């Protein structure tokens, strides 16, 4: 059914839940999994906010973010290896997370995007925004949204 599945992760518990679903789906379909981590670009000028740091400090911050992203993706690759799923790790650098996810899925020729969602409603969704919602409304590639079960009150 699917030959290439892209899963977007940010290393959170919720996105790890989506990663596990994507790994299992890839295994059942004998598909390749593309694990994507989007990291923000570091500010380019004083006008973008924050105190000015020297270029060496900027480079160190970017290197730390990249190292952290690669570490998260290495864990996904290992989980895939453990169950016999081929995983390609991709790091994208962008402030527009949803757009970067869509662009990566298109570039990697993914046939399905797997993402997690908090399932926020009402004003919380409006205030906090939703990268998943943006991908849902903008992508032409099918999307599987994973929500972690929450305890009923």
C-alpha atoms as a PDB file:
ATOM      1  CA  UNK A   1       0.000   0.000   0.000  1.00  0.00           C
ATOM      2  CA  UNK A   2       2.642   2.538   1.074  1.00  0.00           C
ATOM      3  CA  UNK A   3       6.269   2.419   0.002  1.00  0.00           C
ATOM      4  CA  UNK A   4       7.479   5.596   1.746  1.00  0.00           C
ATOM      5  CA  UNK A   5       6.005   6.998   4.948  1.00  0.00           C
ATOM      6  CA  UNK A   6       7.168  10.248   6.522  1.00  0.00           C
ATOM      7  CA  UNK A   7       6.828  10.753  10.268  1.00  0.00           C
ATOM      8  CA  UNK A   8       7.394  14.176  11.795  1.00  0.00           C
ATOM      9  CA  UNK A   9       8.860  14.207  15.278  1.00  0.00           C
ATOM     10  CA  UNK A  10       9.932  16.803  17.783  1.00  0.00           C
ATOM     11  CA  UNK A  11      11.196  14.329  20.357  1.00  0.00           C
ATOM     12  CA  UNK A  12       8.238  14.835  22.681  1.00  0.00           C
ATOM     13  CA  UNK A  13       6.339  11.976  24.291  1.00  0.00           C
ATOM     14  CA  UNK A  14       3.369  12.705  22.038  1.00  0.00           C
ATOM     15  CA  UNK A  15       5.402  12.641  18.832  1.00  0.00           C
ATOM     16  CA  UNK A  16       7.191   9.494  20.012  1.00  0.00           C
ATOM     17  CA  UNK A  17       3.751   7.892  20.147  1.00  0.00           C
ATOM     18  CA  UNK A  18       3.276   8.814  16.470  1.00  0.00           C
ATOM     19  CA  UNK A  19       6.757   7.493  15.638  1.00  0.00           C
ATOM     20  CA  UNK A  20       5.856   4.117  17.143  1.00  0.00           C
ATOM     21  CA  UNK A  21       2.665   3.962  15.062  1.00  0.00           C
ATOM     22  CA  UNK A  22       4.607   4.949  11.933  1.00  0.00           C
ATOM     23  CA  UNK A  23       7.227   2.266  12.573  1.00  0.00           C
ATOM     24  CA  UNK A  24       4.555  -0.394  13.007  1.00  0.00           C
ATOM     25  CA  UNK A  25       2.711   0.746   9.889  1.00  0.00           C
ATOM     26  CA  UNK A  26       5.938   0.791   7.867  1.00  0.00           C
ATOM     27  CA  UNK A  27       6.718  -2.732   9.049  1.00  0.00           C
ATOM     28  CA  UNK A  28       3.268  -4.029   8.105  1.00  0.00           C
ATOM     29  CA  UNK A  29       3.468  -2.362   4.675  1.00  0.00           C
ATOM     30  CA  UNK A  30       7.132  -3.225   4.155  1.00  0.00           C
ATOM     31  CA  UNK A  31       7.649   0.491   3.594  1.00  0.00           C
ATOM     32  CA  UNK A  32      10.624   2.763   4.112  1.00  0.00           C
ATOM     33  CA  UNK A  33      10.197   5.312   6.916  1.00  0.00           C
ATOM     34  CA  UNK A  34      11.481   8.853   6.638  1.00  0.00           C
ATOM     35  CA  UNK A  35      11.893  10.388  10.097  1.00  0.00           C
ATOM     36  CA  UNK A  36      11.829  14.183   9.935  1.00  0.00           C
ATOM     37  CA  UNK A  37      12.876  16.664  12.584  1.00  0.00           C
ATOM     38  CA  UNK A  38      12.394  20.353  11.824  1.00  0.00           C
ATOM     39  CA  UNK A  39      14.635  22.746  13.709  1.00  0.00           C
ATOM     40  CA  UNK A  40      14.249  26.522  13.660  1.00  0.00           C
ATOM     41  CA  UNK A  41      16.767  28.641  11.884  1.00  0.00           C
ATOM     42  CA  UNK A  42      18.707  30.793  14.277  1.00  0.00           C
ATOM     43  CA  UNK A  43      17.893  34.485  14.188  1.00  0.00           C
ATOM     44  CA  UNK A  44      19.673  36.288  11.433  1.00  0.00           C
ATOM     45  CA  UNK A  45      19.573  39.872  12.715  1.00  0.00           C
ATOM     46  CA  UNK A  46      18.982  42.044  15.747  1.00  0.00           C
ATOM     47  CA  UNK A  47      15.540  42.949  14.405  1.00  0.00           C
ATOM     48  CA  UNK A  48      14.400  39.354  14.873  1.00  0.00           C
ATOM     49  CA  UNK A  49      14.615  39.783  18.637  1.00  0.00           C
ATOM     50  CA  UNK A  50      16.884  38.729  21.401  1.00  0.00           C
ATOM     51  CA  UNK A  51      20.263  40.057  22.351  1.00  0.00           C
ATOM     52  CA  UNK A  52      22.988  40.155  19.779  1.00  0.00           C
ATOM     53  CA  UNK A  53      25.403  37.286  20.099  1.00  0.00           C
ATOM     54  CA  UNK A  54      28.596  36.902  18.229  1.00  0.00           C
ATOM     55  CA  UNK A  55      28.740  34.633  15.210  1.00  0.00           C
ATOM     56  CA  UNK A  56      30.678  31.999  17.152  1.00  0.00           C
ATOM     57  CA  UNK A  57      27.873  31.793  19.728  1.00  0.00           C
ATOM     58  CA  UNK A  58      25.278  31.611  16.951  1.00  0.00           C
ATOM     59  CA  UNK A  59      27.166  28.700  15.388  1.00  0.00           C
ATOM     60  CA  UNK A  60      27.348  26.883  18.723  1.00  0.00           C
ATOM     61  CA  UNK A  61      23.603  27.243  19.323  1.00  0.00           C
ATOM     62  CA  UNK A  62      22.796  25.962  15.840  1.00  0.00           C
ATOM     63  CA  UNK A  63      25.228  23.068  16.288  1.00  0.00           C
ATOM     64  CA  UNK A  64      23.552  22.118  19.584  1.00  0.00           C
ATOM     65  CA  UNK A  65      20.100  22.124  17.987  1.00  0.00           C
ATOM     66  CA  UNK A  66      21.345  20.017  15.091  1.00  0.00           C
ATOM     67  CA  UNK A  67      23.117  17.564  17.412  1.00  0.00           C
ATOM     68  CA  UNK A  68      19.961  17.189  19.515  1.00  0.00           C
ATOM     69  CA  UNK A  69      17.823  16.597  16.394  1.00  0.00           C
ATOM     70  CA  UNK A  70      20.274  14.023  15.058  1.00  0.00           C
ATOM     71  CA  UNK A  71      20.257  12.241  18.418  1.00  0.00           C
ATOM     72  CA  UNK A  72      16.447  12.040  18.367  1.00  0.00           C
ATOM     73  CA  UNK A  73      16.500  10.694  14.825  1.00  0.00           C
ATOM     74  CA  UNK A  74      19.218   8.173  15.680  1.00  0.00           C
ATOM     75  CA  UNK A  75      16.846   6.729  18.277  1.00  0.00           C
ATOM     76  CA  UNK A  76      14.149   6.369  15.600  1.00  0.00           C
ATOM     77  CA  UNK A  77      16.637   4.691  13.254  1.00  0.00           C
ATOM     78  CA  UNK A  78      17.611   2.251  15.998  1.00  0.00           C
ATOM     79  CA  UNK A  79      13.968   1.474  16.792  1.00  0.00           C
ATOM     80  CA  UNK A  80      13.430   0.793  13.087  1.00  0.00           C
ATOM     81  CA  UNK A  81      16.492  -1.425  12.901  1.00  0.00           C
ATOM     82  CA  UNK A  82      15.228  -3.385  15.921  1.00  0.00           C
ATOM     83  CA  UNK A  83      12.014  -4.309  14.086  1.00  0.00           C
ATOM     84  CA  UNK A  84      13.413  -4.554  10.559  1.00  0.00           C
ATOM     85  CA  UNK A  85      12.270  -1.195   9.159  1.00  0.00           C
ATOM     86  CA  UNK A  86      14.569   0.942   7.034  1.00  0.00           C
ATOM     87  CA  UNK A  87      14.602   4.499   8.405  1.00  0.00           C
ATOM     88  CA  UNK A  88      16.044   7.543   6.683  1.00  0.00           C
ATOM     89  CA  UNK A  89      16.719  10.475   9.019  1.00  0.00           C
ATOM     90  CA  UNK A  90      16.131  13.984   7.683  1.00  0.00           C
ATOM     91  CA  UNK A  91      16.716  17.291   9.472  1.00  0.00           C
ATOM     92  CA  UNK A  92      15.083  20.370   7.973  1.00  0.00           C
ATOM     93  CA  UNK A  93      15.880  23.912   9.066  1.00  0.00           C
ATOM     94  CA  UNK A  94      12.895  26.262   8.961  1.00  0.00           C
ATOM     95  CA  UNK A  95      10.789  28.560  11.104  1.00  0.00           C
ATOM     96  CA  UNK A  96       7.707  27.346   9.218  1.00  0.00           C
ATOM     97  CA  UNK A  97       7.391  23.828  10.592  1.00  0.00           C
ATOM     98  CA  UNK A  98       4.269  22.742   8.716  1.00  0.00           C
ATOM     99  CA  UNK A  99       5.590  24.056   5.406  1.00  0.00           C
ATOM    100  CA  UNK A 100       8.888  22.242   6.001  1.00  0.00           C
ATOM    101  CA  UNK A 101       7.030  18.988   6.705  1.00  0.00           C
ATOM    102  CA  UNK A 102       5.025  19.268   3.486  1.00  0.00           C
ATOM    103  CA  UNK A 103       8.110  20.194   1.449  1.00  0.00           C
ATOM    104  CA  UNK A 104      10.105  17.272   2.882  1.00  0.00           C
ATOM    105  CA  UNK A 105       7.263  14.834   2.217  1.00  0.00           C
ATOM    106  CA  UNK A 106       7.078  15.992  -1.390  1.00  0.00           C
ATOM    107  CA  UNK A 107      10.853  15.898  -1.862  1.00  0.00           C
ATOM    108  CA  UNK A 108      11.098  12.402  -0.352  1.00  0.00           C
ATOM    109  CA  UNK A 109       8.075  11.276  -2.419  1.00  0.00           C
ATOM    110  CA  UNK A 110       6.258  10.125   0.715  1.00  0.00           C
ATOM    111  CA  UNK A 111       2.835   8.615   0.160  1.00  0.00           C
ATOM    112  CA  UNK A 112       1.701   9.201   3.749  1.00  0.00           C
ATOM    113  CA  UNK A 113       2.555  11.695   6.485  1.00  0.00           C
ATOM    114  CA  UNK A 114       2.204  10.570  10.104  1.00  0.00           C
ATOM    115  CA  UNK A 115       1.927  13.241  12.794  1.00  0.00           C
ATOM    116  CA  UNK A 116       0.727  13.552  16.340  1.00  0.00           C
ATOM    117  CA  UNK A 117      -1.853  15.974  17.681  1.00  0.00           C
ATOM    118  CA  UNK A 118      -2.863  17.122  21.132  1.00  0.00           C
ATOM    119  CA  UNK A 119      -6.432  17.392  19.913  1.00  0.00           C
ATOM    120  CA  UNK A 120      -6.885  20.835  21.422  1.00  0.00           C
ATOM    121  CA  UNK A 121     -10.224  22.470  20.876  1.00  0.00           C
ATOM    122  CA  UNK A 122     -11.663  25.942  20.901  1.00  0.00           C
ATOM    123  CA  UNK A 123      -9.600  28.862  22.096  1.00  0.00           C
ATOM    124  CA  UNK A 124      -6.633  26.666  23.066  1.00  0.00           C
ATOM    125  CA  UNK A 125      -6.246  25.591  19.441  1.00  0.00           C
ATOM    126  CA  UNK A 126      -6.532  29.193  18.298  1.00  0.00           C
ATOM    127  CA  UNK A 127      -4.027  30.502  20.843  1.00  0.00           C
ATOM    128  CA  UNK A 128      -1.491  27.715  20.582  1.00  0.00           C
ATOM    129  CA  UNK A 129      -1.858  27.022  16.876  1.00  0.00           C
ATOM    130  CA  UNK A 130      -1.437  23.626  15.331  1.00  0.00           C
ATOM    131  CA  UNK A 131       1.246  22.500  12.941  1.00  0.00           C
ATOM    132  CA  UNK A 132      -0.763  19.329  12.355  1.00  0.00           C
ATOM    133  CA  UNK A 133      -3.845  21.348  11.435  1.00  0.00           C
ATOM    134  CA  UNK A 134      -1.802  23.407   8.984  1.00  0.00           C
ATOM    135  CA  UNK A 135      -0.392  20.271   7.338  1.00  0.00           C
ATOM    136  CA  UNK A 136      -3.899  18.767   7.181  1.00  0.00           C
ATOM    137  CA  UNK A 137      -5.266  21.763   5.337  1.00  0.00           C
ATOM    138  CA  UNK A 138      -2.303  22.368   3.014  1.00  0.00           C
ATOM    139  CA  UNK A 139      -0.901  18.964   2.062  1.00  0.00           C
ATOM    140  CA  UNK A 140      -2.022  16.984  -0.937  1.00  0.00           C
ATOM    141  CA  UNK A 141      -0.384  13.891   0.584  1.00  0.00           C
ATOM    142  CA  UNK A 142      -2.629  11.790   2.856  1.00  0.00           C
ATOM    143  CA  UNK A 143      -2.069  12.326   6.586  1.00  0.00           C
ATOM    144  CA  UNK A 144      -2.516   9.972   9.504  1.00  0.00           C
ATOM    145  CA  UNK A 145      -2.997  11.890  12.753  1.00  0.00           C
ATOM    146  CA  UNK A 146      -2.190  10.060  15.972  1.00  0.00           C
ATOM    147  CA  UNK A 147      -3.703  11.204  19.228  1.00  0.00           C
ATOM    148  CA  UNK A 148      -2.613   9.743  22.500  1.00  0.00           C
ATOM    149  CA  UNK A 149      -5.486   8.644  24.681  1.00  0.00           C
ATOM    150  CA  UNK A 150      -6.128  10.938  27.589  1.00  0.00           C
ATOM    151  CA  UNK A 151      -7.740   9.996  30.842  1.00  0.00           C
ATOM    152  CA  UNK A 152     -11.394  10.954  31.080  1.00  0.00           C
ATOM    153  CA  UNK A 153     -12.258  13.291  33.925  1.00  0.00           C
END
